[in-house]
Structures are given as C-alpha cells and as structure tokens.
Protein backbone atom coordinates (compact mmCIF):
# COMPACT_ATOMS: atom_id res chain seq x y z
CA MET A 1 0.00 0.01 0.00
CA LYS A 2 2.82 2.37 0.90
CA ARG A 3 4.60 1.52 -2.34
CA HIS A 4 1.41 2.22 -4.31
CA THR A 5 0.99 5.58 -2.54
CA ALA A 6 4.61 6.47 -3.27
CA TRP A 7 4.10 5.78 -6.99
CA VAL A 8 1.00 8.01 -7.00
CA ILE A 9 2.92 10.84 -5.32
CA PHE A 10 5.77 10.35 -7.81
CA ALA A 11 3.36 10.48 -10.76
CA ILE A 12 1.78 13.66 -9.44
CA PHE A 13 5.23 15.16 -9.06
CA LEU A 14 6.06 14.36 -12.68
CA LEU A 15 2.90 15.71 -14.20
CA SER A 16 2.62 19.49 -14.34
CA GLY A 17 -1.00 19.50 -15.45
CA CYS A 18 -2.83 19.53 -18.74
CA ALA A 19 -1.86 21.56 -21.78
CA VAL A 20 -4.37 21.21 -24.62
CA PRO A 21 -2.54 21.53 -27.96
CA LYS A 22 -3.36 24.60 -30.04
CA ALA A 23 -3.16 24.84 -33.84
CA ASN A 24 -3.81 28.58 -34.19
CA TYR A 25 -0.48 29.63 -35.67
CA ALA A 26 -0.18 30.75 -39.31
CA PRO A 27 3.32 31.25 -40.82
CA ALA A 28 4.08 34.56 -42.51
CA SER A 29 4.47 35.07 -46.25
CA VAL A 30 7.77 36.82 -47.02
CA SER A 31 8.84 38.51 -50.27
CA VAL A 32 12.50 38.41 -51.28
CA SER A 33 14.25 40.41 -53.99
CA GLU A 34 18.05 40.54 -54.04
CA PRO A 35 20.37 42.18 -54.71
CA GLN A 36 18.91 45.68 -54.43
CA ILE A 37 18.41 47.79 -57.54
CA GLY A 38 21.41 49.99 -58.31
CA VAL A 39 23.81 48.14 -56.01
CA VAL A 40 27.02 46.75 -57.55
CA SER A 41 27.28 43.02 -56.82
CA SER A 42 29.72 40.20 -57.58
CA VAL A 43 29.11 36.44 -57.70
CA SER A 44 31.11 33.40 -58.77
CA VAL A 45 30.22 30.89 -61.47
CA GLY A 46 27.27 28.80 -60.29
CA ASP A 47 25.92 31.45 -57.90
CA ASN A 48 22.65 33.38 -58.07
CA MET A 49 22.92 36.81 -59.71
CA LEU A 50 19.27 37.74 -59.12
CA ARG A 51 16.70 36.12 -56.86
CA GLN A 52 13.10 37.14 -56.49
CA GLY A 53 10.05 35.43 -55.10
CA VAL A 54 7.82 34.61 -52.17
CA TYR A 55 8.27 31.99 -49.48
CA THR A 56 6.66 31.09 -46.19
CA GLU A 57 8.61 31.81 -43.01
CA HIS A 58 7.84 29.73 -39.94
CA GLU A 59 8.58 30.59 -36.31
CA ALA A 60 10.56 27.78 -34.74
CA ILE A 61 12.90 26.78 -31.96
CA PHE A 62 16.24 25.10 -32.61
CA VAL A 63 17.63 22.64 -30.05
CA PRO A 64 21.43 22.46 -30.47
CA GLN A 65 22.06 19.69 -27.93
CA GLN A 66 20.17 16.68 -26.61
CA ILE A 67 17.81 17.44 -23.72
CA ASN A 68 16.78 14.85 -21.15
CA ALA A 69 13.13 15.36 -20.09
CA GLY A 70 12.35 12.61 -17.61
CA ALA A 71 11.24 9.52 -19.54
CA TYR A 72 11.73 11.42 -22.81
CA THR A 73 14.68 12.71 -24.84
CA ILE A 74 14.45 15.82 -27.05
CA PHE A 75 17.00 15.53 -29.86
CA PRO A 76 18.77 18.38 -31.71
CA GLY A 77 16.94 20.00 -34.64
CA HIS A 78 14.13 22.36 -35.58
CA TYR A 79 10.66 22.30 -34.01
CA LEU A 80 8.07 24.38 -35.92
CA LYS A 81 5.47 26.39 -34.03
CA THR A 82 1.89 25.10 -34.35
CA GLY A 83 0.05 27.31 -31.87
CA GLU A 84 -0.01 28.98 -28.46
CA ASP A 85 -2.22 30.07 -25.60
CA GLU A 86 -1.69 32.40 -22.63
CA SER A 87 0.90 30.20 -20.93
CA THR A 88 2.27 27.78 -23.53
CA GLU A 89 3.72 27.59 -27.06
CA PHE A 90 3.32 24.36 -29.02
CA PHE A 91 5.87 22.95 -31.45
CA SER A 92 6.34 19.92 -33.69
CA PRO A 93 9.50 18.59 -35.43
CA GLY A 94 9.88 20.01 -38.95
CA GLY A 95 11.88 22.12 -41.36
CA SER A 96 15.04 21.13 -43.19
CA GLN A 97 16.65 19.91 -39.93
CA PRO A 98 13.75 18.37 -37.99
CA GLY A 99 14.32 17.26 -34.41
CA LYS A 100 12.74 14.21 -32.84
CA VAL A 101 11.58 12.90 -29.47
CA GLU A 102 12.18 9.42 -28.07
CA LYS A 103 10.51 7.89 -25.03
CA SER A 104 11.42 5.16 -22.60
CA PRO A 105 9.64 1.81 -23.12
CA LEU A 106 7.02 2.34 -20.38
CA ALA A 107 6.29 6.00 -21.04
CA ASP A 108 3.20 7.36 -22.79
CA ASN A 109 3.49 8.31 -26.47
CA TRP A 110 4.33 11.94 -27.11
CA SER A 111 2.43 14.43 -29.26
CA GLY A 112 4.75 17.43 -29.39
CA VAL A 113 7.15 19.76 -27.63
CA ILE A 114 6.00 22.76 -25.59
CA VAL A 115 7.63 25.84 -24.16
CA ARG A 116 6.17 27.25 -20.96
CA LYS A 117 6.07 31.09 -20.95
CA GLU A 118 8.00 31.45 -17.73
CA GLN A 119 11.22 33.07 -16.67
CA PRO A 120 13.36 31.24 -17.47
CA PRO A 121 11.22 29.38 -20.05
CA ARG A 122 10.83 25.61 -19.72
CA ILE A 123 10.91 23.21 -22.65
CA CYS A 124 8.85 20.05 -22.08
CA VAL A 125 7.43 17.03 -23.90
CA LEU A 126 3.66 16.87 -24.25
CA THR A 127 2.15 13.40 -24.12
CA VAL A 128 -0.87 12.14 -26.09
CA TYR A 129 -2.83 12.58 -22.88
CA ASN A 130 -1.92 16.33 -22.83
CA SER A 131 0.27 16.00 -19.76
CA ALA A 132 3.65 17.75 -19.65
CA ILE A 133 6.63 16.30 -17.88
CA THR A 134 8.11 18.70 -15.33
CA THR A 135 11.54 17.05 -15.26
CA CYS A 136 12.58 18.89 -18.43
CA ASN A 137 15.25 21.50 -18.09
CA THR A 138 15.18 25.29 -17.93
CA GLY A 139 17.66 27.84 -19.22
CA ASN A 140 19.29 28.57 -22.57
CA LEU A 141 18.49 25.15 -24.08
CA PHE A 142 17.07 26.36 -27.38
CA GLU A 143 17.26 29.20 -29.88
CA ARG A 144 14.35 30.98 -31.49
CA ARG A 145 14.56 31.06 -35.27
CA LYS A 146 12.54 31.75 -38.40
CA VAL A 147 12.92 29.04 -41.02
CA PRO A 148 11.62 28.67 -44.57
CA SER A 149 8.59 26.43 -44.76
CA LEU A 150 7.94 24.33 -47.87
CA THR A 151 4.40 25.17 -48.96
CA THR A 152 2.51 25.43 -52.23
CA ASP A 153 2.76 29.24 -51.88
CA SER A 154 6.55 29.20 -52.25
CA PHE A 155 7.79 30.55 -55.57
CA GLN A 156 11.18 31.82 -56.72
CA GLN A 157 12.88 33.07 -59.88
CA THR A 158 16.67 33.15 -60.24
CA LEU A 159 19.38 34.08 -62.72
CA ILE A 160 22.59 32.05 -62.33
CA TYR A 161 25.99 32.93 -63.76
CA SER A 162 27.37 30.07 -65.86
CA GLY A 163 30.64 31.55 -67.09
CA ARG A 164 32.19 33.38 -70.06
CA VAL A 165 33.51 32.15 -73.43
CA GLY A 166 35.20 34.86 -75.47
CA ASN A 167 32.93 37.90 -75.49
CA LYS A 168 29.87 35.87 -74.57
CA ILE A 169 28.47 35.11 -71.10
CA ASN A 170 26.08 32.31 -70.21
CA ILE A 171 23.17 32.86 -67.83
CA ALA A 172 20.80 30.19 -66.52
CA TYR A 173 17.21 30.99 -65.60
CA ARG A 174 15.44 28.82 -63.05
CA GLU A 175 11.99 28.83 -61.50
CA PHE A 176 11.20 27.03 -58.26
CA SER A 177 7.80 26.23 -56.80
CA ASN A 178 7.55 24.59 -53.37
CA SER A 179 11.39 24.37 -53.45
CA LEU A 180 11.21 22.16 -56.60
CA ALA A 181 12.58 23.24 -59.95
CA ARG A 182 9.97 23.71 -62.73
CA PRO A 183 11.68 22.08 -65.75
CA ALA A 184 9.34 23.69 -68.30
CA PHE A 185 10.39 27.14 -67.02
CA ASN A 186 14.18 26.60 -66.98
CA ASN A 187 16.38 28.02 -69.71
CA ASN A 188 20.01 28.77 -70.55
CA VAL A 189 20.75 31.99 -72.43
CA GLU A 190 23.90 33.34 -74.08
CA TYR A 191 24.62 37.08 -74.31
CA ASP A 192 27.26 38.78 -76.50
CA LEU A 193 28.78 41.67 -74.53
CA THR A 194 30.08 43.28 -77.73
CA ASP A 195 26.46 44.03 -78.64
CA SER A 196 25.46 45.49 -75.27
CA LYS A 197 26.48 45.52 -71.62
CA ILE A 198 22.78 45.42 -70.69
CA ILE A 199 21.19 42.00 -70.56
CA GLY A 200 17.58 41.12 -69.91
CA TYR A 201 15.29 38.17 -69.24
CA LYS A 202 11.60 38.03 -68.24
CA GLY A 203 11.60 41.73 -67.45
CA ALA A 204 14.79 41.74 -65.39
CA GLU A 205 17.63 43.97 -66.63
CA LEU A 206 21.24 43.92 -65.48
CA GLU A 207 24.27 45.99 -66.44
CA ILE A 208 27.38 43.85 -66.75
CA LEU A 209 30.45 45.67 -65.44
CA GLU A 210 33.04 42.88 -65.52
CA ALA A 211 32.89 39.23 -66.43
CA THR A 212 35.45 36.39 -66.36
CA ASN A 213 35.18 32.63 -66.39
CA GLN A 214 35.33 32.69 -62.60
CA ALA A 215 33.13 35.60 -61.54
CA ILE A 216 30.93 38.47 -62.71
CA LYS A 217 30.33 42.01 -61.44
CA PHE A 218 27.00 43.63 -62.30
CA LYS A 219 24.30 46.08 -61.27
CA VAL A 220 20.56 45.36 -61.24
CA ILE A 221 18.52 47.88 -63.21
CA ARG A 222 15.11 46.20 -62.94
CA ASN A 223 13.63 43.09 -61.28
CA PHE A 224 11.61 40.31 -62.90
CA ASN A 225 8.08 40.92 -64.07
CA SER A 226 5.45 39.06 -62.05
CA ALA A 227 5.32 35.50 -63.36
CA VAL A 228 2.37 33.13 -63.53
CA ARG A 229 2.80 30.30 -61.00
C-alpha cells in the first residue's frame, strides 16, 4: 500500500497538469528580392545573380544539444510552431533539420514539444494525454529562429551565372515552386557583350560591369516581371 502511494505521489510530481494543444499559428508570407536595384554586386560561377520570389517563413525553436526530459529525450533540430495560448507555445519537429523525441519503453506516447512562458522558459514534452513532464530543463536550451517552410505558396525566380567564353556570357534562368525546380520554365541563355552591356530576361535587366570565367560584377537595373505560377 505504501509503495502504491509512493508511486501515485511520484506520478503527481512528474505531471505538471494539462496543456491542450493549439493549432492557431499561421506562418508569414515573405517577399524576397536581391540584390537591391542599383547596387554593384559580384558572384562566382554557379551562384545566383538575381533572386526574387515569395516563401513562407515559420517561427521555430532550434535545439542544439540533446535534452533529457524525464522519460523522454528531445534531440537536436528544428521544431516548428503550431500554436499557443496564454501560458504555452506548441511545437512539432519540422523544417530542413527536424528534431525528434524518443521515449522510454514504459512512457506514454508523445504528441509534441511545448515551451512554458516562464522566466526562465521551460521546454517540455507533451504526451498524447496532454500532460507535460516537469523534469525537463530550464535555461538557454534552445534558440528561437525563423525558417523557410515548404508550402505550395513558395515561388522563386533566379538568374545564375554560368561563365564566359570569349565575349559571350552564359546565364541560366530557373523557377522554383515549393522548393522544386519547374523544368518547363528553366532556360540557358547566351549574351554577346560586344552588342550590349545590358542583358535582360523576363523583365529583369542587369548591367554587366566585368565578367570572367570565374566571376561576374554587375548592377541590377530592374527586377523580374510578375510570373504566372
């Protein structure tokens, strides 16, 4: 009987109460256009000369080192935000470097990672029964980041420098949707600099200042026209 009572007290000590998961977070849509118009830039062969598009940016935490949380282990990686309430933020493994959680054989299955809005904040594992383990650590155990999220709204146009042969330079055009290249919208173009130092493609215009078979120096005059996704 005493042993049973001790286990009950221990279980109560471990459980910090219920935290009902929230899914009320919406990532932000971010526009990117670089380099800036009128700024002299230099890139090497194979690098982007011009990049323009829209992607989704997700709030996240990054765990750099393994965290022991009682019967659970939080492994290094990204955990994307899924929601929050007055006291708690909810996260799930994701992104290009997703983390993961492992449990001991007798522990309940886990549903996510939470951060308690306390000082200092606590990072905990949320079980499928919405209970959070209090034996997780506090302190500087994670970093807050914003990471690109792969969604159907992601779209990007790029010009890539492919080198010089004689007086001609080679430029590659690429379109990406949801981080995947769109083969039908890829092209390689050759420009003769003896005709003009101004080159253009799909509305974008660049002034070529110097070009070798290793690198190119240029200035953006105009960005791409809006493209149909």
